[in-house]
PDB file of N, CA and C in Angstrom:
ATOM      1  N   MET A   1     149.322  62.830 197.201  1.00  0.00           N
ATOM      2  CA  MET A   1     147.941  63.198 197.408  1.00  0.00           C
ATOM      3  C   MET A   1     147.875  64.154 198.593  1.00  0.00           C
ATOM      4  N   VAL A   2     147.109  65.192 198.470  1.00  0.00           N
ATOM      5  CA  VAL A   2     146.943  66.181 199.520  1.00  0.00           C
ATOM      6  C   VAL A   2     145.657  65.873 200.270  1.00  0.00           C
ATOM      7  N   VAL A   3     145.736  65.821 201.595  1.00  0.00           N
ATOM      8  CA  VAL A   3     144.569  65.508 202.416  1.00  0.00           C
ATOM      9  C   VAL A   3     144.112  66.775 203.115  1.00  0.00           C
ATOM     10  N   ILE A   4     142.820  67.049 202.988  1.00  0.00           N
ATOM     11  CA  ILE A   4     142.239  68.229 203.617  1.00  0.00           C
ATOM     12  C   ILE A   4     141.155  67.753 204.574  1.00  0.00           C
ATOM     13  N   GLY A   5     141.132  68.308 205.763  1.00  0.00           N
ATOM     14  CA  GLY A   5     140.065  67.980 206.694  1.00  0.00           C
ATOM     15  C   GLY A   5     140.568  67.298 207.947  1.00  0.00           C
ATOM     16  N   ASN A   6     139.637  66.767 208.722  1.00  0.00           N
ATOM     17  CA  ASN A   6     139.921  66.121 209.987  1.00  0.00           C
ATOM     18  C   ASN A   6     140.600  64.771 209.743  1.00  0.00           C
ATOM     19  N   LYS A   7     141.730  64.528 210.408  1.00  0.00           N
ATOM     20  CA  LYS A   7     142.467  63.286 210.207  1.00  0.00           C
ATOM     21  C   LYS A   7     141.777  62.108 210.883  1.00  0.00           C
ATOM     22  N   ARG A   8     140.990  62.347 211.894  1.00  0.00           N
ATOM     23  CA  ARG A   8     140.346  61.262 212.633  1.00  0.00           C
ATOM     24  C   ARG A   8     139.145  60.700 211.884  1.00  0.00           C
ATOM     25  N   ASN A   9     138.387  61.545 211.241  1.00  0.00           N
ATOM     26  CA  ASN A   9     137.182  61.113 210.556  1.00  0.00           C
ATOM     27  C   ASN A   9     137.506  60.925 209.072  1.00  0.00           C
ATOM     28  N   LYS A  10     137.616  59.666 208.637  1.00  0.00           N
ATOM     29  CA  LYS A  10     138.007  59.385 207.257  1.00  0.00           C
ATOM     30  C   LYS A  10     136.939  59.819 206.256  1.00  0.00           C
ATOM     31  N   LYS A  11     135.672  59.796 206.674  1.00  0.00           N
ATOM     32  CA  LYS A  11     134.608  60.187 205.761  1.00  0.00           C
ATOM     33  C   LYS A  11     134.602  61.687 205.504  1.00  0.00           C
ATOM     34  N   ALA A  12     135.132  62.459 206.430  1.00  0.00           N
ATOM     35  CA  ALA A  12     135.122  63.914 206.296  1.00  0.00           C
ATOM     36  C   ALA A  12     136.284  64.425 205.443  1.00  0.00           C
ATOM     37  N   ARG A  13     137.241  63.560 205.126  1.00  0.00           N
ATOM     38  CA  ARG A  13     138.409  63.996 204.355  1.00  0.00           C
ATOM     39  C   ARG A  13     138.081  64.154 202.876  1.00  0.00           C
ATOM     40  N   ASN A  14     138.676  65.146 202.295  1.00  0.00           N
ATOM     41  CA  ASN A  14     138.590  65.340 200.849  1.00  0.00           C
ATOM     42  C   ASN A  14     139.991  65.167 200.278  1.00  0.00           C
ATOM     43  N   CYS A  15     140.130  64.390 199.251  1.00  0.00           N
ATOM     44  CA  CYS A  15     141.436  64.148 198.650  1.00  0.00           C
ATOM     45  C   CYS A  15     141.524  64.867 197.312  1.00  0.00           C
ATOM     46  N   LEU A  16     142.587  65.628 197.143  1.00  0.00           N
ATOM     47  CA  LEU A  16     142.835  66.312 195.882  1.00  0.00           C
ATOM     48  C   LEU A  16     143.985  65.608 195.169  1.00  0.00           C
ATOM     49  N   PRO A  17     143.767  65.103 193.971  1.00  0.00           N
ATOM     50  CA  PRO A  17     144.864  64.432 193.268  1.00  0.00           C
ATOM     51  C   PRO A  17     145.896  65.449 192.791  1.00  0.00           C
ATOM     52  N   GLN A  18     147.166  65.083 192.924  1.00  0.00           N
ATOM     53  CA  GLN A  18     148.217  65.968 192.450  1.00  0.00           C
ATOM     54  C   GLN A  18     148.397  65.777 190.952  1.00  0.00           C
ATOM     55  N   LYS A  19     148.883  66.818 190.294  1.00  0.00           N
ATOM     56  CA  LYS A  19     149.092  66.770 188.857  1.00  0.00           C
ATOM     57  C   LYS A  19     150.239  65.814 188.546  1.00  0.00           C
ATOM     58  N   LYS A  20     150.018  64.925 187.588  1.00  0.00           N
ATOM     59  CA  LYS A  20     151.058  63.979 187.205  1.00  0.00           C
ATOM     60  C   LYS A  20     151.991  64.630 186.197  1.00  0.00           C
ATOM     61  N   ARG A  21     153.265  64.232 186.264  1.00  0.00           N
ATOM     62  CA  ARG A  21     154.249  64.734 185.310  1.00  0.00           C
ATOM     63  C   ARG A  21     154.008  64.079 183.960  1.00  0.00           C
ATOM     64  N   ARG A  22     154.239  64.850 182.913  1.00  0.00           N
ATOM     65  CA  ARG A  22     154.051  64.331 181.570  1.00  0.00           C
ATOM     66  C   ARG A  22     155.294  64.617 180.766  1.00  0.00           C
ATOM     67  N   GLN A  23     155.726  63.658 179.982  1.00  0.00           N
ATOM     68  CA  GLN A  23     156.896  63.855 179.142  1.00  0.00           C
ATOM     69  C   GLN A  23     156.420  64.062 177.706  1.00  0.00           C
ATOM     70  N   TRP A  24     156.747  65.205 177.143  1.00  0.00           N
ATOM     71  CA  TRP A  24     156.335  65.571 175.795  1.00  0.00           C
ATOM     72  C   TRP A  24     157.422  65.169 174.811  1.00  0.00           C
ATOM     73  N   ASN A  25     157.032  64.612 173.661  1.00  0.00           N
ATOM     74  CA  ASN A  25     158.046  64.324 172.656  1.00  0.00           C
ATOM     75  C   ASN A  25     158.228  65.555 171.764  1.00  0.00           C
ATOM     76  N   VAL A  26     159.220  65.514 170.894  1.00  0.00           N
ATOM     77  CA  VAL A  26     159.591  66.684 170.094  1.00  0.00           C
ATOM     78  C   VAL A  26     158.447  67.119 169.187  1.00  0.00           C
ATOM     79  N   ARG A  27     157.731  66.174 168.602  1.00  0.00           N
ATOM     80  CA  ARG A  27     156.624  66.508 167.702  1.00  0.00           C
ATOM     81  C   ARG A  27     155.547  67.322 168.427  1.00  0.00           C
ATOM     82  N   GLU A  28     155.187  66.884 169.625  1.00  0.00           N
ATOM     83  CA  GLU A  28     154.170  67.595 170.403  1.00  0.00           C
ATOM     84  C   GLU A  28     154.660  68.983 170.810  1.00  0.00           C
ATOM     85  N   LYS A  29     155.930  69.087 171.185  1.00  0.00           N
ATOM     86  CA  LYS A  29     156.492  70.387 171.559  1.00  0.00           C
ATOM     87  C   LYS A  29     156.430  71.353 170.388  1.00  0.00           C
ATOM     88  N   LEU A  30     156.781  70.869 169.190  1.00  0.00           N
ATOM     89  CA  LEU A  30     156.764  71.737 168.009  1.00  0.00           C
ATOM     90  C   LEU A  30     155.344  72.156 167.639  1.00  0.00           C
ATOM     91  N   ILE A  31     154.379  71.277 167.832  1.00  0.00           N
ATOM     92  CA  ILE A  31     152.979  71.639 167.571  1.00  0.00           C
ATOM     93  C   ILE A  31     152.551  72.769 168.499  1.00  0.00           C
ATOM     94  N   ILE A  32     152.919  72.670 169.768  1.00  0.00           N
ATOM     95  CA  ILE A  32     152.547  73.694 170.745  1.00  0.00           C
ATOM     96  C   ILE A  32     153.258  75.007 170.444  1.00  0.00           C
ATOM     97  N   VAL A  33     154.545  74.951 170.087  1.00  0.00           N
ATOM     98  CA  VAL A  33     155.296  76.171 169.754  1.00  0.00           C
ATOM     99  C   VAL A  33     154.714  76.814 168.502  1.00  0.00           C
ATOM    100  N   HIS A  34     154.334  76.003 167.520  1.00  0.00           N
ATOM    101  CA  HIS A  34     153.720  76.533 166.296  1.00  0.00           C
ATOM    102  C   HIS A  34     152.396  77.232 166.622  1.00  0.00           C
ATOM    103  N   TYR A  35     151.579  76.614 167.468  1.00  0.00           N
ATOM    104  CA  TYR A  35     150.321  77.235 167.884  1.00  0.00           C
ATOM    105  C   TYR A  35     150.594  78.561 168.594  1.00  0.00           C
ATOM    106  N   PHE A  36     151.602  78.570 169.454  1.00  0.00           N
ATOM    107  CA  PHE A  36     151.986  79.767 170.203  1.00  0.00           C
ATOM    108  C   PHE A  36     152.392  80.902 169.259  1.00  0.00           C
ATOM    109  N   GLU A  37     153.191  80.583 168.241  1.00  0.00           N
ATOM    110  CA  GLU A  37     153.672  81.615 167.319  1.00  0.00           C
ATOM    111  C   GLU A  37     152.572  82.133 166.399  1.00  0.00           C
ATOM    112  N   ASN A  38     151.586  81.319 166.093  1.00  0.00           N
ATOM    113  CA  ASN A  38     150.512  81.741 165.192  1.00  0.00           C
ATOM    114  C   ASN A  38     149.335  82.390 165.907  1.00  0.00           C
ATOM    115  N   ASN A  39     149.352  82.439 167.231  1.00  0.00           N
ATOM    116  CA  ASN A  39     148.266  83.059 167.991  1.00  0.00           C
ATOM    117  C   ASN A  39     148.775  84.235 168.802  1.00  0.00           C
ATOM    118  N   ASN A  40     149.373  85.189 168.130  1.00  0.00           N
ATOM    119  CA  ASN A  40     149.831  86.454 168.721  1.00  0.00           C
ATOM    120  C   ASN A  40     150.820  86.267 169.863  1.00  0.00           C
ATOM    121  N   ARG A  41     151.522  85.131 169.894  1.00  0.00           N
ATOM    122  CA  ARG A  41     152.543  84.863 170.908  1.00  0.00           C
ATOM    123  C   ARG A  41     152.001  85.064 172.327  1.00  0.00           C
ATOM    124  N   ASN A  42     150.809  84.563 172.576  1.00  0.00           N
ATOM    125  CA  ASN A  42     150.163  84.655 173.878  1.00  0.00           C
ATOM    126  C   ASN A  42     150.611  83.472 174.744  1.00  0.00           C
ATOM    127  N   VAL A  43     151.565  83.736 175.649  1.00  0.00           N
ATOM    128  CA  VAL A  43     152.152  82.667 176.462  1.00  0.00           C
ATOM    129  C   VAL A  43     151.121  82.070 177.411  1.00  0.00           C
ATOM    130  N   CYS A  44     150.436  82.915 178.159  1.00  0.00           N
ATOM    131  CA  CYS A  44     149.485  82.416 179.170  1.00  0.00           C
ATOM    132  C   CYS A  44     148.335  81.645 178.527  1.00  0.00           C
ATOM    133  N   GLY A  45     147.786  82.178 177.446  1.00  0.00           N
ATOM    134  CA  GLY A  45     146.668  81.511 176.777  1.00  0.00           C
ATOM    135  C   GLY A  45     147.056  80.157 176.212  1.00  0.00           C
ATOM    136  N   THR A  46     148.220  80.101 175.581  1.00  0.00           N
ATOM    137  CA  THR A  46     148.692  78.833 175.014  1.00  0.00           C
ATOM    138  C   THR A  46     149.002  77.833 176.119  1.00  0.00           C
ATOM    139  N   ALA A  47     149.616  78.302 177.198  1.00  0.00           N
ATOM    140  CA  ALA A  47     149.944  77.415 178.317  1.00  0.00           C
ATOM    141  C   ALA A  47     148.675  76.831 178.931  1.00  0.00           C
ATOM    142  N   LYS A  48     147.639  77.649 179.087  1.00  0.00           N
ATOM    143  CA  LYS A  48     146.376  77.157 179.642  1.00  0.00           C
ATOM    144  C   LYS A  48     145.722  76.148 178.707  1.00  0.00           C
ATOM    145  N   LYS A  49     145.755  76.439 177.403  1.00  0.00           N
ATOM    146  CA  LYS A  49     145.105  75.563 176.431  1.00  0.00           C
ATOM    147  C   LYS A  49     145.712  74.161 176.446  1.00  0.00           C
ATOM    148  N   PHE A  50     147.034  74.083 176.547  1.00  0.00           N
ATOM    149  CA  PHE A  50     147.712  72.792 176.503  1.00  0.00           C
ATOM    150  C   PHE A  50     148.059  72.253 177.893  1.00  0.00           C
ATOM    151  N   ASN A  51     147.644  72.956 178.936  1.00  0.00           N
ATOM    152  CA  ASN A  51     147.841  72.526 180.326  1.00  0.00           C
ATOM    153  C   ASN A  51     149.326  72.327 180.657  1.00  0.00           C
ATOM    154  N   ILE A  52     150.121  73.354 180.340  1.00  0.00           N
ATOM    155  CA  ILE A  52     151.544  73.342 180.665  1.00  0.00           C
ATOM    156  C   ILE A  52     151.894  74.647 181.364  1.00  0.00           C
ATOM    157  N   GLN A  53     153.081  74.715 181.931  1.00  0.00           N
ATOM    158  CA  GLN A  53     153.552  75.933 182.575  1.00  0.00           C
ATOM    159  C   GLN A  53     154.041  76.908 181.508  1.00  0.00           C
ATOM    160  N   SER A  54     153.882  78.199 181.756  1.00  0.00           N
ATOM    161  CA  SER A  54     154.327  79.200 180.788  1.00  0.00           C
ATOM    162  C   SER A  54     155.844  79.178 180.626  1.00  0.00           C
ATOM    163  N   LYS A  55     156.574  78.859 181.690  1.00  0.00           N
ATOM    164  CA  LYS A  55     158.033  78.750 181.616  1.00  0.00           C
ATOM    165  C   LYS A  55     158.445  77.634 180.664  1.00  0.00           C
ATOM    166  N   GLN A  56     157.709  76.542 180.718  1.00  0.00           N
ATOM    167  CA  GLN A  56     157.988  75.412 179.835  1.00  0.00           C
ATOM    168  C   GLN A  56     157.804  75.825 178.373  1.00  0.00           C
ATOM    169  N   LEU A  57     156.757  76.579 178.096  1.00  0.00           N
ATOM    170  CA  LEU A  57     156.499  77.058 176.739  1.00  0.00           C
ATOM    171  C   LEU A  57     157.596  78.007 176.269  1.00  0.00           C
ATOM    172  N   ARG A  58     158.044  78.905 177.141  1.00  0.00           N
ATOM    173  CA  ARG A  58     159.127  79.827 176.769  1.00  0.00           C
ATOM    174  C   ARG A  58     160.414  79.063 176.465  1.00  0.00           C
ATOM    175  N   ASP A  59     160.711  78.044 177.267  1.00  0.00           N
ATOM    176  CA  ASP A  59     161.910  77.234 177.025  1.00  0.00           C
ATOM    177  C   ASP A  59     161.831  76.527 175.675  1.00  0.00           C
ATOM    178  N   TRP A  60     160.684  75.934 175.373  1.00  0.00           N
ATOM    179  CA  TRP A  60     160.524  75.248 174.096  1.00  0.00           C
ATOM    180  C   TRP A  60     160.642  76.225 172.937  1.00  0.00           C
ATOM    181  N   SER A  61     160.099  77.418 173.106  1.00  0.00           N
ATOM    182  CA  SER A  61     160.178  78.428 172.055  1.00  0.00           C
ATOM    183  C   SER A  61     161.626  78.846 171.815  1.00  0.00           C
ATOM    184  N   ASN A  62     162.406  78.979 172.893  1.00  0.00           N
ATOM    185  CA  ASN A  62     163.817  79.348 172.755  1.00  0.00           C
ATOM    186  C   ASN A  62     164.641  78.221 172.135  1.00  0.00           C
ATOM    187  N   LYS A  63     164.240  76.975 172.346  1.00  0.00           N
ATOM    188  CA  LYS A  63     164.978  75.818 171.828  1.00  0.00           C
ATOM    189  C   LYS A  63     164.383  75.287 170.528  1.00  0.00           C
ATOM    190  N   LYS A  64     163.608  76.091 169.829  1.00  0.00           N
ATOM    191  CA  LYS A  64     162.923  75.632 168.622  1.00  0.00           C
ATOM    192  C   LYS A  64     163.909  75.117 167.571  1.00  0.00           C
ATOM    193  N   GLY A  65     165.040  75.795 167.402  1.00  0.00           N
ATOM    194  CA  GLY A  65     166.038  75.360 166.427  1.00  0.00           C
ATOM    195  C   GLY A  65     166.555  73.965 166.714  1.00  0.00           C
ATOM    196  N   THR A  66     166.822  73.688 167.969  1.00  0.00           N
ATOM    197  CA  THR A  66     167.291  72.359 168.368  1.00  0.00           C
ATOM    198  C   THR A  66     166.193  71.324 168.176  1.00  0.00           C
ATOM    199  N   LEU A  67     164.963  71.703 168.488  1.00  0.00           N
ATOM    200  CA  LEU A  67     163.841  70.781 168.340  1.00  0.00           C
ATOM    201  C   LEU A  67     163.623  70.408 166.875  1.00  0.00           C
ATOM    202  N   LEU A  68     163.820  71.368 165.970  1.00  0.00           N
ATOM    203  CA  LEU A  68     163.606  71.107 164.550  1.00  0.00           C
ATOM    204  C   LEU A  68     164.628  70.118 163.988  1.00  0.00           C
ATOM    205  N   THR A  69     165.834  70.109 164.531  1.00  0.00           N
ATOM    206  CA  THR A  69     166.870  69.206 164.023  1.00  0.00           C
ATOM    207  C   THR A  69     166.819  67.825 164.670  1.00  0.00           C
ATOM    208  N   THR A  70     165.992  67.650 165.692  1.00  0.00           N
ATOM    209  CA  THR A  70     165.895  66.378 166.413  1.00  0.00           C
ATOM    210  C   THR A  70     164.777  65.529 165.816  1.00  0.00           C
ATOM    211  N   ALA A  71     164.909  64.214 165.896  1.00  0.00           N
ATOM    212  CA  ALA A  71     163.868  63.307 165.421  1.00  0.00           C
ATOM    213  C   ALA A  71     162.585  63.532 166.207  1.00  0.00           C
ATOM    214  N   SER A  72     161.440  63.381 165.542  1.00  0.00           N
ATOM    215  CA  SER A  72     160.158  63.750 166.153  1.00  0.00           C
ATOM    216  C   SER A  72     159.720  62.833 167.287  1.00  0.00           C
ATOM    217  N   HIS A  73     160.231  61.609 167.362  1.00  0.00           N
ATOM    218  CA  HIS A  73     159.790  60.679 168.409  1.00  0.00           C
ATOM    219  C   HIS A  73     160.618  60.794 169.683  1.00  0.00           C
ATOM    220  N   VAL A  74     161.692  61.562 169.657  1.00  0.00           N
ATOM    221  CA  VAL A  74     162.590  61.688 170.803  1.00  0.00           C
ATOM    222  C   VAL A  74     161.934  62.536 171.883  1.00  0.00           C
ATOM    223  N   ALA A  75     162.051  62.096 173.137  1.00  0.00           N
ATOM    224  CA  ALA A  75     161.470  62.851 174.243  1.00  0.00           C
ATOM    225  C   ALA A  75     162.503  63.744 174.917  1.00  0.00           C
ATOM    226  N   LYS A  76     163.762  63.308 174.954  1.00  0.00           N
ATOM    227  CA  LYS A  76     164.813  64.085 175.608  1.00  0.00           C
ATOM    228  C   LYS A  76     165.826  64.555 174.574  1.00  0.00           C
ATOM    229  N   LEU A  77     166.283  65.787 174.722  1.00  0.00           N
ATOM    230  CA  LEU A  77     167.238  66.343 173.772  1.00  0.00           C
ATOM    231  C   LEU A  77     168.663  65.905 174.065  1.00  0.00           C
ATOM    232  N   HIS A  78     168.969  65.603 175.304  1.00  0.00           N
ATOM    233  CA  HIS A  78     170.326  65.217 175.683  1.00  0.00           C
ATOM    234  C   HIS A  78     170.388  63.708 175.864  1.00  0.00           C
ATOM    235  N   SER A  79     171.438  63.095 175.336  1.00  0.00           N
ATOM    236  CA  SER A  79     171.561  61.640 175.411  1.00  0.00           C
ATOM    237  C   SER A  79     172.124  61.166 176.742  1.00  0.00           C
ATOM    238  N   GLY A  80     172.614  62.071 177.557  1.00  0.00           N
ATOM    239  CA  GLY A  80     173.151  61.697 178.857  1.00  0.00           C
ATOM    240  C   GLY A  80     174.615  62.065 178.971  1.00  0.00           C
ATOM    241  N   LYS A  81     175.207  61.611 180.048  1.00  0.00           N
ATOM    242  CA  LYS A  81     176.606  61.912 180.318  1.00  0.00           C
ATOM    243  C   LYS A  81     177.502  61.181 179.316  1.00  0.00           C
ATOM    244  N   PRO A  82     178.495  61.863 178.759  1.00  0.00           N
ATOM    245  CA  PRO A  82     179.381  61.193 177.804  1.00  0.00           C
ATOM    246  C   PRO A  82     180.246  60.140 178.498  1.00  0.00           C
ATOM    247  N   ALA A  83     180.685  59.167 177.736  1.00  0.00           N
ATOM    248  CA  ALA A  83     181.485  58.075 178.285  1.00  0.00           C
ATOM    249  C   ALA A  83     182.835  58.591 178.766  1.00  0.00           C
ATOM    250  N   LYS A  84     183.284  58.057 179.899  1.00  0.00           N
ATOM    251  CA  LYS A  84     184.571  58.466 180.440  1.00  0.00           C
ATOM    252  C   LYS A  84     185.708  57.794 179.672  1.00  0.00           C
ATOM    253  N   TYR A  85     185.474  56.549 179.265  1.00  0.00           N
ATOM    254  CA  TYR A  85     186.467  55.790 178.503  1.00  0.00           C
ATOM    255  C   TYR A  85     185.791  55.232 177.239  1.00  0.00           C
ATOM    256  N   PRO A  86     185.637  56.035 176.201  1.00  0.00           N
ATOM    257  CA  PRO A  86     184.903  55.577 175.014  1.00  0.00           C
ATOM    258  C   PRO A  86     185.574  54.405 174.291  1.00  0.00           C
ATOM    259  N   LYS A  87     186.906  54.373 174.255  1.00  0.00           N
ATOM    260  CA  LYS A  87     187.620  53.277 173.587  1.00  0.00           C
ATOM    261  C   LYS A  87     187.339  51.957 174.311  1.00  0.00           C
ATOM    262  N   LEU A  88     187.372  51.983 175.642  1.00  0.00           N
ATOM    263  CA  LEU A  88     187.087  50.788 176.432  1.00  0.00           C
ATOM    264  C   LEU A  88     185.661  50.302 176.182  1.00  0.00           C
ATOM    265  N   GLU A  89     184.716  51.232 176.127  1.00  0.00           N
ATOM    266  CA  GLU A  89     183.322  50.852 175.895  1.00  0.00           C
ATOM    267  C   GLU A  89     183.136  50.243 174.512  1.00  0.00           C
ATOM    268  N   ASP A  90     183.816  50.800 173.500  1.00  0.00           N
ATOM    269  CA  ASP A  90     183.715  50.239 172.154  1.00  0.00           C
ATOM    270  C   ASP A  90     184.273  48.817 172.108  1.00  0.00           C
ATOM    271  N   ASP A  91     185.424  48.615 172.759  1.00  0.00           N
ATOM    272  CA  ASP A  91     186.023  47.279 172.800  1.00  0.00           C
ATOM    273  C   ASP A  91     185.127  46.295 173.552  1.00  0.00           C
ATOM    274  N   LEU A  92     184.564  46.743 174.677  1.00  0.00           N
ATOM    275  CA  LEU A  92     183.659  45.878 175.447  1.00  0.00           C
ATOM    276  C   LEU A  92     182.407  45.529 174.645  1.00  0.00           C
ATOM    277  N   PHE A  93     181.882  46.508 173.929  1.00  0.00           N
ATOM    278  CA  PHE A  93     180.683  46.269 173.125  1.00  0.00           C
ATOM    279  C   PHE A  93     180.959  45.215 172.054  1.00  0.00           C
ATOM    280  N   ALA A  94     182.105  45.337 171.392  1.00  0.00           N
ATOM    281  CA  ALA A  94     182.471  44.355 170.367  1.00  0.00           C
ATOM    282  C   ALA A  94     182.639  42.965 170.987  1.00  0.00           C
ATOM    283  N   TRP A  95     183.276  42.894 172.149  1.00  0.00           N
ATOM    284  CA  TRP A  95     183.499  41.621 172.833  1.00  0.00           C
ATOM    285  C   TRP A  95     182.175  40.984 173.257  1.00  0.00           C
ATOM    286  N   ILE A  96     181.281  41.801 173.821  1.00  0.00           N
ATOM    287  CA  ILE A  96     179.973  41.296 174.261  1.00  0.00           C
ATOM    288  C   ILE A  96     179.163  40.808 173.065  1.00  0.00           C
ATOM    289  N   SER A  97     179.176  41.568 171.979  1.00  0.00           N
ATOM    290  CA  SER A  97     178.442  41.160 170.773  1.00  0.00           C
ATOM    291  C   SER A  97     178.957  39.831 170.241  1.00  0.00           C
ATOM    292  N   GLU A  98     180.274  39.662 170.251  1.00  0.00           N
ATOM    293  CA  GLU A  98     180.883  38.414 169.783  1.00  0.00           C
ATOM    294  C   GLU A  98     180.464  37.240 170.666  1.00  0.00           C
ATOM    295  N   LYS A  99     180.518  37.432 171.984  1.00  0.00           N
ATOM    296  CA  LYS A  99     180.137  36.369 172.921  1.00  0.00           C
ATOM    297  C   LYS A  99     178.662  35.994 172.767  1.00  0.00           C
ATOM    298  N   ARG A 100     177.809  36.985 172.612  1.00  0.00           N
ATOM    299  CA  ARG A 100     176.373  36.710 172.465  1.00  0.00           C
ATOM    300  C   ARG A 100     176.081  36.014 171.141  1.00  0.00           C
ATOM    301  N   ALA A 101     176.830  36.390 170.093  1.00  0.00           N
ATOM    302  CA  ALA A 101     176.641  35.737 168.799  1.00  0.00           C
ATOM    303  C   ALA A 101     177.014  34.255 168.879  1.00  0.00           C
ATOM    304  N   ASN A 102     177.996  33.925 169.721  1.00  0.00           N
ATOM    305  CA  ASN A 102     178.404  32.531 169.913  1.00  0.00           C
ATOM    306  C   ASN A 102     177.472  31.778 170.859  1.00  0.00           C
ATOM    307  N   GLY A 103     176.526  32.478 171.476  1.00  0.00           N
ATOM    308  CA  GLY A 103     175.562  31.837 172.366  1.00  0.00           C
ATOM    309  C   GLY A 103     176.016  31.755 173.806  1.00  0.00           C
ATOM    310  N   ASN A 104     177.032  32.507 174.174  1.00  0.00           N
ATOM    311  CA  ASN A 104     177.517  32.502 175.553  1.00  0.00           C
ATOM    312  C   ASN A 104     176.714  33.479 176.403  1.00  0.00           C
ATOM    313  N   ALA A 105     176.487  33.095 177.657  1.00  0.00           N
ATOM    314  CA  ALA A 105     175.782  33.976 178.589  1.00  0.00           C
ATOM    315  C   ALA A 105     176.767  35.008 179.127  1.00  0.00           C
ATOM    316  N   ILE A 106     176.335  36.247 179.207  1.00  0.00           N
ATOM    317  CA  ILE A 106     177.176  37.341 179.700  1.00  0.00           C
ATOM    318  C   ILE A 106     176.477  37.953 180.910  1.00  0.00           C
ATOM    319  N   THR A 107     177.199  38.013 182.032  1.00  0.00           N
ATOM    320  CA  THR A 107     176.651  38.632 183.237  1.00  0.00           C
ATOM    321  C   THR A 107     177.389  39.933 183.519  1.00  0.00           C
ATOM    322  N   GLN A 108     176.848  40.689 184.430  1.00  0.00           N
ATOM    323  CA  GLN A 108     177.467  41.959 184.823  1.00  0.00           C
ATOM    324  C   GLN A 108     178.860  41.720 185.404  1.00  0.00           C
ATOM    325  N   LYS A 109     178.999  40.652 186.165  1.00  0.00           N
ATOM    326  CA  LYS A 109     180.283  40.337 186.792  1.00  0.00           C
ATOM    327  C   LYS A 109     181.344  40.007 185.742  1.00  0.00           C
ATOM    328  N   ILE A 110     180.961  39.255 184.719  1.00  0.00           N
ATOM    329  CA  ILE A 110     181.895  38.912 183.643  1.00  0.00           C
ATOM    330  C   ILE A 110     182.341  40.171 182.903  1.00  0.00           C
ATOM    331  N   ILE A 111     181.401  41.066 182.646  1.00  0.00           N
ATOM    332  CA  ILE A 111     181.725  42.318 181.948  1.00  0.00           C
ATOM    333  C   ILE A 111     182.672  43.162 182.791  1.00  0.00           C
ATOM    334  N   THR A 112     182.405  43.248 184.092  1.00  0.00           N
ATOM    335  CA  THR A 112     183.269  44.030 184.984  1.00  0.00           C
ATOM    336  C   THR A 112     184.676  43.456 185.025  1.00  0.00           C
ATOM    337  N   ASN A 113     184.787  42.134 185.127  1.00  0.00           N
ATOM    338  CA  ASN A 113     186.108  41.502 185.150  1.00  0.00           C
ATOM    339  C   ASN A 113     186.856  41.716 183.841  1.00  0.00           C
ATOM    340  N   LYS A 114     186.159  41.673 182.728  1.00  0.00           N
ATOM    341  CA  LYS A 114     186.787  41.898 181.424  1.00  0.00           C
ATOM    342  C   LYS A 114     187.279  43.339 181.309  1.00  0.00           C
ATOM    343  N   ALA A 115     186.508  44.281 181.842  1.00  0.00           N
ATOM    344  CA  ALA A 115     186.881  45.700 181.763  1.00  0.00           C
ATOM    345  C   ALA A 115     188.110  46.004 182.606  1.00  0.00           C
ATOM    346  N   ILE A 116     188.257  45.289 183.700  1.00  0.00           N
ATOM    347  CA  ILE A 116     189.401  45.530 184.593  1.00  0.00           C
ATOM    348  C   ILE A 116     190.624  44.926 183.971  1.00  0.00           C
TER     349      ILE A 116
END
């Protein structure tokens, strides 16, 4: 929150709320890109209409091919950092699933000890 005015007099202060971050899913991004392409490719006008930055709109327009191949409910295109030891993770996942199916409690410490 940004405070404007005299710090001593609380009644004289005016508070301006800062803009909150919003996470757009793929479906919403494609709707905005479609609107952008059908309205003379006006970046500033489309950005103002949907209350986004023009850079964000240009990025979505450039990534349209990737957006089209992604599921519509997904918010992020990248799944994260790849596993360093994928074989170990697969074995651990199978072991954890087996233990949980048998009704055993699994803690972080038990998983760490098993991995070592």
